[in-house]
């Protein structure tokens, strides 16, 4: 298979050995790309995770496929093509992608001469500070951390070990970032929260936000996402949380361990997202709402209250998925129901 800039490196037998897969077919087929079944051609590796995908194998031109154990794949010719049978095709595909993904393009160890570093900042000797970065007073950068380019660390910020801050990331003063975090281009951590109160004569008075942002270990944040500083105390993001591109997280929010927030979601101030919860893309969460542990909020939903642990809510405003979808189904028939009702009244 190939990643950008790489050369073909696997045959079916090698791949089976790497994954601990059962090989049903030739061991010497060369695999040069990874493709969906419907777009695959000779040299393609694809994946089969369900019966629906298995039924497509016979008409696919892929040379090989990862198959979740226990699935029947009709039309397979083991003399010409290969199936690699694994416990979970999705997990196996992720393992392959990790194996072929090139190492990130990081600057060399040390501080680039074009960067500006305050004398009071502490930078581990193994860290990398690329071109045009700014590191403020009393900031600290942990071992093997990387500021790729044009990264700003404000006064008294702390960046843990092995983190990667891609171009254009800004960490505002006093914010704390854990170990092994990856922030993609344009991430803003610690901008002022959005808070105002009415003043005299129609004026609007800004509420100062004096807190910070505290982010745990192994957190990944997508491009141009924003996490605002707290009014007081801390806006927090737990270990292993994953935040997609263009997400807005307001002041004093609390994001739990391994929570997932999908693209363009917007969280108002003091929202609480508990451990393992998932927020769908383009959803909006009102101030002080809560998403319980292990629960789900569907894409495009508008949450104005709380979701109990382990529940799934959808809709605008969001409600329990089964009830809300039943209501939507009834609403789609509303005009027809009214016509039928009027006709029945006329016929009396």
C-alpha atoms as a PDB file:
ATOM      1  CA  UNK A   1       0.000   0.000   0.000  1.00  0.00           C
ATOM      2  CA  UNK A   2       1.019   3.574  -0.454  1.00  0.00           C
ATOM      3  CA  UNK A   3       0.701   6.717   1.562  1.00  0.00           C
ATOM      4  CA  UNK A   4       1.573  10.103   0.030  1.00  0.00           C
ATOM      5  CA  UNK A   5       5.190   9.988  -1.100  1.00  0.00           C
ATOM      6  CA  UNK A   6       5.633   6.333  -0.141  1.00  0.00           C
ATOM      7  CA  UNK A   7       6.318   3.284  -2.325  1.00  0.00           C
ATOM      8  CA  UNK A   8       4.378  -0.009  -2.394  1.00  0.00           C
ATOM      9  CA  UNK A   9       5.519  -2.036   0.570  1.00  0.00           C
ATOM     10  CA  UNK A  10       3.136  -4.950   1.250  1.00  0.00           C
ATOM     11  CA  UNK A  11       2.063  -8.198  -0.285  1.00  0.00           C
ATOM     12  CA  UNK A  12      -0.937 -10.094   1.008  1.00  0.00           C
ATOM     13  CA  UNK A  13       1.168 -12.602   2.937  1.00  0.00           C
ATOM     14  CA  UNK A  14       3.191  -9.873   4.642  1.00  0.00           C
ATOM     15  CA  UNK A  15       0.032  -8.031   5.575  1.00  0.00           C
ATOM     16  CA  UNK A  16      -1.581 -11.173   6.975  1.00  0.00           C
ATOM     17  CA  UNK A  17       1.476 -11.800   9.127  1.00  0.00           C
ATOM     18  CA  UNK A  18       1.497  -8.217  10.389  1.00  0.00           C
ATOM     19  CA  UNK A  19      -2.192  -8.358  11.363  1.00  0.00           C
ATOM     20  CA  UNK A  20      -2.271 -11.948  12.576  1.00  0.00           C
ATOM     21  CA  UNK A  21      -4.944 -12.534   9.931  1.00  0.00           C
ATOM     22  CA  UNK A  22      -6.127 -15.795   8.408  1.00  0.00           C
ATOM     23  CA  UNK A  23      -5.276 -15.609   4.689  1.00  0.00           C
ATOM     24  CA  UNK A  24      -7.761 -17.082   2.218  1.00  0.00           C
ATOM     25  CA  UNK A  25      -6.034 -16.678  -1.153  1.00  0.00           C
ATOM     26  CA  UNK A  26      -2.584 -16.043  -2.663  1.00  0.00           C
ATOM     27  CA  UNK A  27       0.173 -14.674  -0.454  1.00  0.00           C
ATOM     28  CA  UNK A  28       2.039 -12.879  -3.252  1.00  0.00           C
ATOM     29  CA  UNK A  29      -0.548 -10.322  -4.436  1.00  0.00           C
ATOM     30  CA  UNK A  30       0.932  -6.830  -4.468  1.00  0.00           C
ATOM     31  CA  UNK A  31      -1.225  -4.181  -2.794  1.00  0.00           C
ATOM     32  CA  UNK A  32      -0.629  -0.612  -3.929  1.00  0.00           C
ATOM     33  CA  UNK A  33      -3.641   1.314  -2.601  1.00  0.00           C
ATOM     34  CA  UNK A  34      -6.547   1.258  -0.181  1.00  0.00           C
ATOM     35  CA  UNK A  35      -9.979   1.847  -1.729  1.00  0.00           C
ATOM     36  CA  UNK A  36     -13.697   1.316  -1.072  1.00  0.00           C
ATOM     37  CA  UNK A  37     -15.051  -1.818  -2.720  1.00  0.00           C
ATOM     38  CA  UNK A  38     -16.992   0.063  -5.385  1.00  0.00           C
ATOM     39  CA  UNK A  39     -13.950   2.122  -6.467  1.00  0.00           C
ATOM     40  CA  UNK A  40     -11.297  -0.565  -6.105  1.00  0.00           C
ATOM     41  CA  UNK A  41      -9.193  -1.978  -8.897  1.00  0.00           C
ATOM     42  CA  UNK A  42      -6.312  -4.431  -9.272  1.00  0.00           C
ATOM     43  CA  UNK A  43      -3.807  -3.826  -6.484  1.00  0.00           C
ATOM     44  CA  UNK A  44      -6.456  -2.366  -4.161  1.00  0.00           C
ATOM     45  CA  UNK A  45      -7.010  -3.457  -0.583  1.00  0.00           C
ATOM     46  CA  UNK A  46     -10.563  -2.931   0.641  1.00  0.00           C
ATOM     47  CA  UNK A  47     -12.599  -3.960   3.691  1.00  0.00           C
ATOM     48  CA  UNK A  48     -15.748  -5.969   4.424  1.00  0.00           C
ATOM     49  CA  UNK A  49     -17.425  -5.242   7.742  1.00  0.00           C
ATOM     50  CA  UNK A  50     -20.984  -6.502   7.158  1.00  0.00           C
ATOM     51  CA  UNK A  51     -23.117  -8.755   4.958  1.00  0.00           C
ATOM     52  CA  UNK A  52     -24.009  -5.740   2.819  1.00  0.00           C
ATOM     53  CA  UNK A  53     -20.341  -5.248   1.935  1.00  0.00           C
ATOM     54  CA  UNK A  54     -19.764  -8.994   1.549  1.00  0.00           C
ATOM     55  CA  UNK A  55     -22.374  -9.158  -1.208  1.00  0.00           C
ATOM     56  CA  UNK A  56     -20.410  -6.563  -3.205  1.00  0.00           C
ATOM     57  CA  UNK A  57     -17.177  -8.583  -3.232  1.00  0.00           C
ATOM     58  CA  UNK A  58     -18.005 -10.666  -6.312  1.00  0.00           C
ATOM     59  CA  UNK A  59     -18.416  -7.609  -8.545  1.00  0.00           C
ATOM     60  CA  UNK A  60     -15.532  -5.637  -7.040  1.00  0.00           C
ATOM     61  CA  UNK A  61     -12.154  -5.522  -8.807  1.00  0.00           C
ATOM     62  CA  UNK A  62     -10.178  -5.296  -5.543  1.00  0.00           C
ATOM     63  CA  UNK A  63      -7.268  -7.694  -5.162  1.00  0.00           C
ATOM     64  CA  UNK A  64      -7.779  -8.231  -1.438  1.00  0.00           C
ATOM     65  CA  UNK A  65     -10.055  -7.284   1.435  1.00  0.00           C
ATOM     66  CA  UNK A  66     -10.032  -7.299   5.195  1.00  0.00           C
ATOM     67  CA  UNK A  67     -13.023  -9.318   6.414  1.00  0.00           C
ATOM     68  CA  UNK A  68     -14.540  -9.394   9.888  1.00  0.00           C
ATOM     69  CA  UNK A  69     -14.458 -12.970  11.135  1.00  0.00           C
ATOM     70  CA  UNK A  70     -17.734 -14.866  10.786  1.00  0.00           C
ATOM     71  CA  UNK A  71     -18.967 -13.140   7.645  1.00  0.00           C
ATOM     72  CA  UNK A  72     -19.746 -15.234   4.585  1.00  0.00           C
ATOM     73  CA  UNK A  73     -18.319 -13.717   1.374  1.00  0.00           C
ATOM     74  CA  UNK A  74     -20.138 -15.155  -1.642  1.00  0.00           C
ATOM     75  CA  UNK A  75     -18.337 -15.402  -4.966  1.00  0.00           C
ATOM     76  CA  UNK A  76     -14.813 -15.417  -3.543  1.00  0.00           C
ATOM     77  CA  UNK A  77     -12.218 -17.068  -5.801  1.00  0.00           C
ATOM     78  CA  UNK A  78      -9.258 -17.922  -3.552  1.00  0.00           C
ATOM     79  CA  UNK A  79      -7.099 -18.774  -6.561  1.00  0.00           C
ATOM     80  CA  UNK A  80      -7.134 -15.188  -7.834  1.00  0.00           C
ATOM     81  CA  UNK A  81      -7.932 -12.900  -4.926  1.00  0.00           C
ATOM     82  CA  UNK A  82      -7.310 -12.807  -1.178  1.00  0.00           C
ATOM     83  CA  UNK A  83      -9.394 -12.315   1.929  1.00  0.00           C
ATOM     84  CA  UNK A  84      -7.631 -11.433   5.166  1.00  0.00           C
ATOM     85  CA  UNK A  85      -9.906 -12.625   7.949  1.00  0.00           C
ATOM     86  CA  UNK A  86      -9.553 -10.637  11.174  1.00  0.00           C
ATOM     87  CA  UNK A  87     -11.549 -10.111  14.365  1.00  0.00           C
ATOM     88  CA  UNK A  88     -12.641  -6.632  13.279  1.00  0.00           C
ATOM     89  CA  UNK A  89     -12.074  -5.217   9.783  1.00  0.00           C
ATOM     90  CA  UNK A  90     -12.309  -1.597  10.960  1.00  0.00           C
ATOM     91  CA  UNK A  91      -9.684  -2.069  13.663  1.00  0.00           C
ATOM     92  CA  UNK A  92      -7.405  -3.894  11.240  1.00  0.00           C
ATOM     93  CA  UNK A  93      -7.728  -1.090   8.691  1.00  0.00           C
ATOM     94  CA  UNK A  94      -6.792   1.470  11.348  1.00  0.00           C
ATOM     95  CA  UNK A  95      -3.709  -0.607  12.212  1.00  0.00           C
ATOM     96  CA  UNK A  96      -2.666  -0.572   8.538  1.00  0.00           C
ATOM     97  CA  UNK A  97      -3.213   3.163   8.216  1.00  0.00           C
ATOM     98  CA  UNK A  98      -1.041   3.744  11.265  1.00  0.00           C
ATOM     99  CA  UNK A  99       1.662   1.538   9.757  1.00  0.00           C
ATOM    100  CA  UNK A 100       1.782   3.396   6.430  1.00  0.00           C
ATOM    101  CA  UNK A 101       1.229   6.955   7.658  1.00  0.00           C
ATOM    102  CA  UNK A 102       4.459   8.928   7.326  1.00  0.00           C
ATOM    103  CA  UNK A 103       5.962  10.596  10.355  1.00  0.00           C
ATOM    104  CA  UNK A 104       4.881  14.232  10.744  1.00  0.00           C
ATOM    105  CA  UNK A 105       7.143  16.814   9.153  1.00  0.00           C
ATOM    106  CA  UNK A 106       8.615  18.431  12.256  1.00  0.00           C
ATOM    107  CA  UNK A 107      11.310  21.084  12.602  1.00  0.00           C
ATOM    108  CA  UNK A 108      14.722  20.083  13.925  1.00  0.00           C
ATOM    109  CA  UNK A 109      15.421  19.976  17.650  1.00  0.00           C
ATOM    110  CA  UNK A 110      16.137  23.417  19.032  1.00  0.00           C
ATOM    111  CA  UNK A 111      14.829  26.930  18.441  1.00  0.00           C
ATOM    112  CA  UNK A 112      14.653  28.340  14.911  1.00  0.00           C
ATOM    113  CA  UNK A 113      16.524  31.651  14.641  1.00  0.00           C
ATOM    114  CA  UNK A 114      13.404  33.440  13.379  1.00  0.00           C
ATOM    115  CA  UNK A 115      11.445  32.613  16.552  1.00  0.00           C
ATOM    116  CA  UNK A 116      11.145  34.941  19.550  1.00  0.00           C
ATOM    117  CA  UNK A 117      11.540  33.327  22.974  1.00  0.00           C
ATOM    118  CA  UNK A 118      11.342  35.263  26.230  1.00  0.00           C
ATOM    119  CA  UNK A 119      14.453  34.702  28.383  1.00  0.00           C
ATOM    120  CA  UNK A 120      12.312  33.470  31.279  1.00  0.00           C
ATOM    121  CA  UNK A 121      10.699  30.677  29.224  1.00  0.00           C
ATOM    122  CA  UNK A 122      11.770  27.085  29.907  1.00  0.00           C
ATOM    123  CA  UNK A 123      12.238  24.895  26.837  1.00  0.00           C
ATOM    124  CA  UNK A 124      13.337  21.279  27.212  1.00  0.00           C
ATOM    125  CA  UNK A 125      16.530  20.575  25.219  1.00  0.00           C
ATOM    126  CA  UNK A 126      14.694  17.899  23.197  1.00  0.00           C
ATOM    127  CA  UNK A 127      11.853  20.222  22.132  1.00  0.00           C
ATOM    128  CA  UNK A 128      11.421  21.698  18.649  1.00  0.00           C
ATOM    129  CA  UNK A 129      10.485  25.333  18.075  1.00  0.00           C
ATOM    130  CA  UNK A 130      10.067  25.984  14.349  1.00  0.00           C
ATOM    131  CA  UNK A 131      10.141  29.207  12.366  1.00  0.00           C
ATOM    132  CA  UNK A 132       8.276  32.368  13.380  1.00  0.00           C
ATOM    133  CA  UNK A 133       7.068  31.081  16.752  1.00  0.00           C
ATOM    134  CA  UNK A 134       6.594  33.287  19.828  1.00  0.00           C
ATOM    135  CA  UNK A 135       7.095  31.910  23.338  1.00  0.00           C
ATOM    136  CA  UNK A 136       6.060  34.259  26.125  1.00  0.00           C
ATOM    137  CA  UNK A 137       7.432  34.995  29.590  1.00  0.00           C
ATOM    138  CA  UNK A 138       7.454  32.091  32.056  1.00  0.00           C
ATOM    139  CA  UNK A 139       6.084  29.665  29.468  1.00  0.00           C
ATOM    140  CA  UNK A 140       7.318  26.074  29.538  1.00  0.00           C
ATOM    141  CA  UNK A 141       7.649  23.435  26.804  1.00  0.00           C
ATOM    142  CA  UNK A 142       8.082  19.757  27.715  1.00  0.00           C
ATOM    143  CA  UNK A 143      10.389  17.119  26.303  1.00  0.00           C
ATOM    144  CA  UNK A 144      10.003  16.175  22.641  1.00  0.00           C
ATOM    145  CA  UNK A 145       7.219  18.744  22.153  1.00  0.00           C
ATOM    146  CA  UNK A 146       7.031  20.439  18.756  1.00  0.00           C
ATOM    147  CA  UNK A 147       5.900  23.898  17.677  1.00  0.00           C
ATOM    148  CA  UNK A 148       5.862  23.413  13.915  1.00  0.00           C
ATOM    149  CA  UNK A 149       5.669  27.030  12.710  1.00  0.00           C
ATOM    150  CA  UNK A 150       3.995  30.350  13.590  1.00  0.00           C
ATOM    151  CA  UNK A 151       2.846  29.027  16.960  1.00  0.00           C
ATOM    152  CA  UNK A 152       2.250  31.428  19.851  1.00  0.00           C
ATOM    153  CA  UNK A 153       2.517  30.418  23.499  1.00  0.00           C
ATOM    154  CA  UNK A 154       1.387  33.201  25.834  1.00  0.00           C
ATOM    155  CA  UNK A 155       2.727  34.178  29.212  1.00  0.00           C
ATOM    156  CA  UNK A 156       2.878  31.355  31.778  1.00  0.00           C
ATOM    157  CA  UNK A 157       1.508  28.701  29.414  1.00  0.00           C
ATOM    158  CA  UNK A 158       2.540  25.084  29.892  1.00  0.00           C
ATOM    159  CA  UNK A 159       2.886  22.551  27.083  1.00  0.00           C
ATOM    160  CA  UNK A 160       3.485  18.944  28.114  1.00  0.00           C
ATOM    161  CA  UNK A 161       5.732  16.282  26.625  1.00  0.00           C
ATOM    162  CA  UNK A 162       5.484  14.923  23.071  1.00  0.00           C
ATOM    163  CA  UNK A 163       2.809  17.365  21.927  1.00  0.00           C
ATOM    164  CA  UNK A 164       2.568  18.704  18.370  1.00  0.00           C
ATOM    165  CA  UNK A 165       1.227  22.183  17.690  1.00  0.00           C
ATOM    166  CA  UNK A 166       0.738  22.691  13.962  1.00  0.00           C
ATOM    167  CA  UNK A 167       1.098  26.048  12.161  1.00  0.00           C
ATOM    168  CA  UNK A 168      -0.934  28.952  13.462  1.00  0.00           C
ATOM    169  CA  UNK A 169      -1.890  27.483  16.849  1.00  0.00           C
ATOM    170  CA  UNK A 170      -2.305  30.084  19.601  1.00  0.00           C
ATOM    171  CA  UNK A 171      -2.257  29.235  23.313  1.00  0.00           C
ATOM    172  CA  UNK A 172      -3.274  32.291  25.328  1.00  0.00           C
ATOM    173  CA  UNK A 173      -1.751  33.189  28.729  1.00  0.00           C
ATOM    174  CA  UNK A 174      -1.859  30.807  31.703  1.00  0.00           C
ATOM    175  CA  UNK A 175      -3.372  27.868  29.816  1.00  0.00           C
ATOM    176  CA  UNK A 176      -2.134  24.345  30.567  1.00  0.00           C
ATOM    177  CA  UNK A 177      -1.795  21.605  27.934  1.00  0.00           C
ATOM    178  CA  UNK A 178      -1.075  17.981  28.876  1.00  0.00           C
ATOM    179  CA  UNK A 179       1.184  15.383  27.296  1.00  0.00           C
ATOM    180  CA  UNK A 180       0.918  13.981  23.747  1.00  0.00           C
ATOM    181  CA  UNK A 181      -1.674  16.501  22.578  1.00  0.00           C
ATOM    182  CA  UNK A 182      -2.048  17.280  18.864  1.00  0.00           C
ATOM    183  CA  UNK A 183      -3.532  20.618  17.813  1.00  0.00           C
ATOM    184  CA  UNK A 184      -4.114  21.151  14.099  1.00  0.00           C
ATOM    185  CA  UNK A 185      -3.609  24.448  12.229  1.00  0.00           C
ATOM    186  CA  UNK A 186      -5.385  27.508  13.559  1.00  0.00           C
ATOM    187  CA  UNK A 187      -6.481  26.118  16.931  1.00  0.00           C
ATOM    188  CA  UNK A 188      -7.142  28.864  19.495  1.00  0.00           C
ATOM    189  CA  UNK A 189      -6.931  27.966  23.182  1.00  0.00           C
ATOM    190  CA  UNK A 190      -7.822  30.520  25.836  1.00  0.00           C
ATOM    191  CA  UNK A 191      -9.476  33.357  23.940  1.00  0.00           C
ATOM    192  CA  UNK A 192     -11.846  35.475  26.038  1.00  0.00           C
ATOM    193  CA  UNK A 193     -15.195  33.932  26.798  1.00  0.00           C
ATOM    194  CA  UNK A 194     -18.258  35.621  25.300  1.00  0.00           C
ATOM    195  CA  UNK A 195     -19.920  37.402  28.216  1.00  0.00           C
ATOM    196  CA  UNK A 196     -21.771  40.737  28.389  1.00  0.00           C
ATOM    197  CA  UNK A 197     -24.397  42.390  30.583  1.00  0.00           C
ATOM    198  CA  UNK A 198     -26.736  45.306  29.808  1.00  0.00           C
ATOM    199  CA  UNK A 199     -25.470  48.736  30.775  1.00  0.00           C
ATOM    200  CA  UNK A 200     -26.975  52.178  30.967  1.00  0.00           C
ATOM    201  CA  UNK A 201     -28.350  53.960  27.908  1.00  0.00           C
ATOM    202  CA  UNK A 202     -28.371  50.775  25.859  1.00  0.00           C
ATOM    203  CA  UNK A 203     -24.651  50.142  26.280  1.00  0.00           C
ATOM    204  CA  UNK A 204     -23.253  46.630  26.623  1.00  0.00           C
ATOM    205  CA  UNK A 205     -20.706  45.916  29.352  1.00  0.00           C
ATOM    206  CA  UNK A 206     -18.066  43.244  28.775  1.00  0.00           C
ATOM    207  CA  UNK A 207     -17.584  40.637  31.514  1.00  0.00           C
ATOM    208  CA  UNK A 208     -13.847  39.995  32.093  1.00  0.00           C
ATOM    209  CA  UNK A 209     -12.756  36.367  31.858  1.00  0.00           C
ATOM    210  CA  UNK A 210      -9.871  35.814  34.256  1.00  0.00           C
ATOM    211  CA  UNK A 211      -9.699  32.014  34.280  1.00  0.00           C
ATOM    212  CA  UNK A 212      -7.807  29.685  31.980  1.00  0.00           C
ATOM    213  CA  UNK A 213      -8.092  26.470  29.951  1.00  0.00           C
ATOM    214  CA  UNK A 214      -6.751  23.158  31.250  1.00  0.00           C
ATOM    215  CA  UNK A 215      -6.428  20.333  28.708  1.00  0.00           C
ATOM    216  CA  UNK A 216      -5.522  16.770  29.679  1.00  0.00           C
ATOM    217  CA  UNK A 217      -3.315  14.177  28.032  1.00  0.00           C
ATOM    218  CA  UNK A 218      -3.723  12.631  24.550  1.00  0.00           C
ATOM    219  CA  UNK A 219      -6.235  15.243  23.373  1.00  0.00           C
ATOM    220  CA  UNK A 220      -6.557  16.004  19.644  1.00  0.00           C
ATOM    221  CA  UNK A 221      -8.177  19.218  18.418  1.00  0.00           C
ATOM    222  CA  UNK A 222      -9.011  19.895  14.756  1.00  0.00           C
ATOM    223  CA  UNK A 223      -8.237  22.915  12.622  1.00  0.00           C
ATOM    224  CA  UNK A 224      -9.667  26.298  13.620  1.00  0.00           C
ATOM    225  CA  UNK A 225     -11.413  25.016  16.734  1.00  0.00           C
ATOM    226  CA  UNK A 226     -11.690  27.372  19.717  1.00  0.00           C
ATOM    227  CA  UNK A 227     -11.712  26.642  23.447  1.00  0.00           C
ATOM    228  CA  UNK A 228     -12.490  29.790  25.458  1.00  0.00           C
ATOM    229  CA  UNK A 229     -10.995  30.654  28.828  1.00  0.00           C
ATOM    230  CA  UNK A 230     -13.188  30.543  31.920  1.00  0.00           C
ATOM    231  CA  UNK A 231     -14.751  33.570  33.565  1.00  0.00           C
ATOM    232  CA  UNK A 232     -13.101  32.255  36.731  1.00  0.00           C
ATOM    233  CA  UNK A 233     -11.686  28.806  37.396  1.00  0.00           C
ATOM    234  CA  UNK A 234     -10.963  26.707  34.312  1.00  0.00           C
ATOM    235  CA  UNK A 235     -12.524  25.499  31.094  1.00  0.00           C
ATOM    236  CA  UNK A 236     -11.470  21.834  31.073  1.00  0.00           C
ATOM    237  CA  UNK A 237     -10.967  19.110  28.465  1.00  0.00           C
ATOM    238  CA  UNK A 238     -10.378  15.580  29.763  1.00  0.00           C
ATOM    239  CA  UNK A 239      -7.803  12.989  28.728  1.00  0.00           C
ATOM    240  CA  UNK A 240      -8.276  11.366  25.301  1.00  0.00           C
ATOM    241  CA  UNK A 241     -11.025  13.788  24.209  1.00  0.00           C
ATOM    242  CA  UNK A 242     -11.248  14.343  20.434  1.00  0.00           C
ATOM    243  CA  UNK A 243     -12.515  17.658  19.068  1.00  0.00           C
ATOM    244  CA  UNK A 244     -13.143  18.137  15.344  1.00  0.00           C
ATOM    245  CA  UNK A 245     -12.549  21.125  13.068  1.00  0.00           C
ATOM    246  CA  UNK A 246     -14.402  24.415  13.649  1.00  0.00           C
ATOM    247  CA  UNK A 247     -15.802  23.452  17.048  1.00  0.00           C
ATOM    248  CA  UNK A 248     -16.598  26.255  19.511  1.00  0.00           C
ATOM    249  CA  UNK A 249     -16.304  25.451  23.219  1.00  0.00           C
ATOM    250  CA  UNK A 250     -17.456  28.292  25.447  1.00  0.00           C
ATOM    251  CA  UNK A 251     -16.191  29.563  28.790  1.00  0.00           C
ATOM    252  CA  UNK A 252     -16.317  27.240  31.807  1.00  0.00           C
ATOM    253  CA  UNK A 253     -17.310  24.173  29.783  1.00  0.00           C
ATOM    254  CA  UNK A 254     -16.243  20.786  31.113  1.00  0.00           C
ATOM    255  CA  UNK A 255     -15.441  18.117  28.505  1.00  0.00           C
ATOM    256  CA  UNK A 256     -15.034  14.608  29.903  1.00  0.00           C
ATOM    257  CA  UNK A 257     -12.561  11.834  29.269  1.00  0.00           C
ATOM    258  CA  UNK A 258     -12.721  10.318  25.757  1.00  0.00           C
ATOM    259  CA  UNK A 259     -15.600  12.579  24.732  1.00  0.00           C
ATOM    260  CA  UNK A 260     -15.950  13.172  20.972  1.00  0.00           C
ATOM    261  CA  UNK A 261     -17.207  16.473  19.553  1.00  0.00           C
ATOM    262  CA  UNK A 262     -17.772  16.499  15.776  1.00  0.00           C
ATOM    263  CA  UNK A 263     -17.256  19.332  13.318  1.00  0.00           C
ATOM    264  CA  UNK A 264     -18.884  22.765  13.671  1.00  0.00           C
ATOM    265  CA  UNK A 265     -20.599  21.940  16.966  1.00  0.00           C
ATOM    266  CA  UNK A 266     -21.109  24.968  19.233  1.00  0.00           C
ATOM    267  CA  UNK A 267     -21.149  24.713  23.026  1.00  0.00           C
ATOM    268  CA  UNK A 268     -22.283  27.762  24.999  1.00  0.00           C
ATOM    269  CA  UNK A 269     -20.831  28.606  28.382  1.00  0.00           C
ATOM    270  CA  UNK A 270     -20.821  26.121  31.271  1.00  0.00           C
ATOM    271  CA  UNK A 271     -21.908  23.121  29.191  1.00  0.00           C
ATOM    272  CA  UNK A 272     -20.915  19.772  30.719  1.00  0.00           C
ATOM    273  CA  UNK A 273     -20.068  16.843  28.443  1.00  0.00           C
ATOM    274  CA  UNK A 274     -19.448  13.720  30.504  1.00  0.00           C
ATOM    275  CA  UNK A 275     -17.033  10.852  29.883  1.00  0.00           C
ATOM    276  CA  UNK A 276     -17.441   8.982  26.604  1.00  0.00           C
ATOM    277  CA  UNK A 277     -20.231  11.194  25.264  1.00  0.00           C
ATOM    278  CA  UNK A 278     -20.521  12.025  21.550  1.00  0.00           C
ATOM    279  CA  UNK A 279     -21.711  15.360  20.135  1.00  0.00           C
ATOM    280  CA  UNK A 280     -22.811  15.226  16.485  1.00  0.00           C
ATOM    281  CA  UNK A 281     -21.670  17.738  13.890  1.00  0.00           C
ATOM    282  CA  UNK A 282     -23.327  21.178  13.624  1.00  0.00           C
ATOM    283  CA  UNK A 283     -25.183  20.667  16.898  1.00  0.00           C
ATOM    284  CA  UNK A 284     -25.791  23.539  19.317  1.00  0.00           C
ATOM    285  CA  UNK A 285     -25.843  23.249  23.107  1.00  0.00           C
ATOM    286  CA  UNK A 286     -27.419  25.944  25.253  1.00  0.00           C
ATOM    287  CA  UNK A 287     -25.723  27.382  28.310  1.00  0.00           C
ATOM    288  CA  UNK A 288     -25.481  25.004  31.302  1.00  0.00           C
ATOM    289  CA  UNK A 289     -26.863  22.025  29.388  1.00  0.00           C
ATOM    290  CA  UNK A 290     -25.409  18.565  30.055  1.00  0.00           C
ATOM    291  CA  UNK A 291     -24.674  15.506  27.943  1.00  0.00           C
ATOM    292  CA  UNK A 292     -24.492  12.466  30.206  1.00  0.00           C
ATOM    293  CA  UNK A 293     -21.787   9.817  30.260  1.00  0.00           C
ATOM    294  CA  UNK A 294     -21.837   7.579  27.195  1.00  0.00           C
ATOM    295  CA  UNK A 295     -24.768   9.456  25.679  1.00  0.00           C
ATOM    296  CA  UNK A 296     -25.184  10.742  22.118  1.00  0.00           C
ATOM    297  CA  UNK A 297     -26.461  13.996  20.630  1.00  0.00           C
ATOM    298  CA  UNK A 298     -27.340  13.692  16.952  1.00  0.00           C
ATOM    299  CA  UNK A 299     -25.925  15.914  14.231  1.00  0.00           C
ATOM    300  CA  UNK A 300     -27.681  19.259  13.828  1.00  0.00           C
ATOM    301  CA  UNK A 301     -29.509  18.890  17.153  1.00  0.00           C
ATOM    302  CA  UNK A 302     -30.270  21.793  19.480  1.00  0.00           C
ATOM    303  CA  UNK A 303     -29.944  20.813  23.122  1.00  0.00           C
ATOM    304  CA  UNK A 304     -31.650  23.077  25.652  1.00  0.00           C
ATOM    305  CA  UNK A 305     -31.506  20.842  28.729  1.00  0.00           C
ATOM    306  CA  UNK A 306     -29.892  17.620  29.903  1.00  0.00           C
ATOM    307  CA  UNK A 307     -29.370  14.170  28.367  1.00  0.00           C
ATOM    308  CA  UNK A 308     -29.313  11.310  30.904  1.00  0.00           C
ATOM    309  CA  UNK A 309     -26.387   8.911  30.896  1.00  0.00           C
ATOM    310  CA  UNK A 310     -26.363   6.449  28.010  1.00  0.00           C
ATOM    311  CA  UNK A 311     -29.251   8.032  26.087  1.00  0.00           C
ATOM    312  CA  UNK A 312     -29.465   9.271  22.476  1.00  0.00           C
ATOM    313  CA  UNK A 313     -31.160  12.587  21.719  1.00  0.00           C
ATOM    314  CA  UNK A 314     -31.907  14.119  18.297  1.00  0.00           C
ATOM    315  CA  UNK A 315     -33.859  16.998  16.860  1.00  0.00           C
ATOM    316  CA  UNK A 316     -34.621  20.690  17.320  1.00  0.00           C
ATOM    317  CA  UNK A 317     -35.149  21.005  20.217  1.00  0.00           C
ATOM    318  CA  UNK A 318     -33.458  17.725  21.062  1.00  0.00           C
ATOM    319  CA  UNK A 319     -35.414  14.916  22.691  1.00  0.00           C
ATOM    320  CA  UNK A 320     -35.173  11.134  23.107  1.00  0.00           C
ATOM    321  CA  UNK A 321     -34.414   9.664  19.682  1.00  0.00           C
ATOM    322  CA  UNK A 322     -37.258   7.125  19.451  1.00  0.00           C
ATOM    323  CA  UNK A 323     -39.926   9.589  20.583  1.00  0.00           C
ATOM    324  CA  UNK A 324     -38.575  12.464  18.502  1.00  0.00           C
ATOM    325  CA  UNK A 325     -38.377  10.407  15.303  1.00  0.00           C
ATOM    326  CA  UNK A 326     -41.939   9.176  15.845  1.00  0.00           C
ATOM    327  CA  UNK A 327     -43.051  12.786  16.215  1.00  0.00           C
ATOM    328  CA  UNK A 328     -41.230  13.736  13.008  1.00  0.00           C
ATOM    329  CA  UNK A 329     -42.906  10.893  11.156  1.00  0.00           C
ATOM    330  CA  UNK A 330     -46.321  12.050  12.365  1.00  0.00           C
ATOM    331  CA  UNK A 331     -45.535  15.655  11.461  1.00  0.00           C
ATOM    332  CA  UNK A 332     -44.662  14.690   7.888  1.00  0.00           C
ATOM    333  CA  UNK A 333     -48.188  13.293   7.588  1.00  0.00           C
ATOM    334  CA  UNK A 334     -49.841  16.256   9.289  1.00  0.00           C
ATOM    335  CA  UNK A 335     -51.161  17.971   6.129  1.00  0.00           C
ATOM    336  CA  UNK A 336     -52.598  14.692   4.818  1.00  0.00           C
ATOM    337  CA  UNK A 337     -54.126  13.908   8.214  1.00  0.00           C
ATOM    338  CA  UNK A 338     -55.813  17.333   8.310  1.00  0.00           C
ATOM    339  CA  UNK A 339     -57.209  16.844   4.799  1.00  0.00           C
ATOM    340  CA  UNK A 340     -58.577  13.443   5.774  1.00  0.00           C
ATOM    341  CA  UNK A 341     -60.104  14.870   8.942  1.00  0.00           C
ATOM    342  CA  UNK A 342     -61.789  17.718   7.051  1.00  0.00           C
ATOM    343  CA  UNK A 343     -63.125  15.275   4.472  1.00  0.00           C
ATOM    344  CA  UNK A 344     -64.535  13.080   7.216  1.00  0.00           C
ATOM    345  CA  UNK A 345     -66.257  16.085   8.832  1.00  0.00           C
ATOM    346  CA  UNK A 346     -67.789  17.157   5.498  1.00  0.00           C
ATOM    347  CA  UNK A 347     -69.088  13.665   4.843  1.00  0.00           C
ATOM    348  CA  UNK A 348     -70.997  13.480   8.135  1.00  0.00           C
END
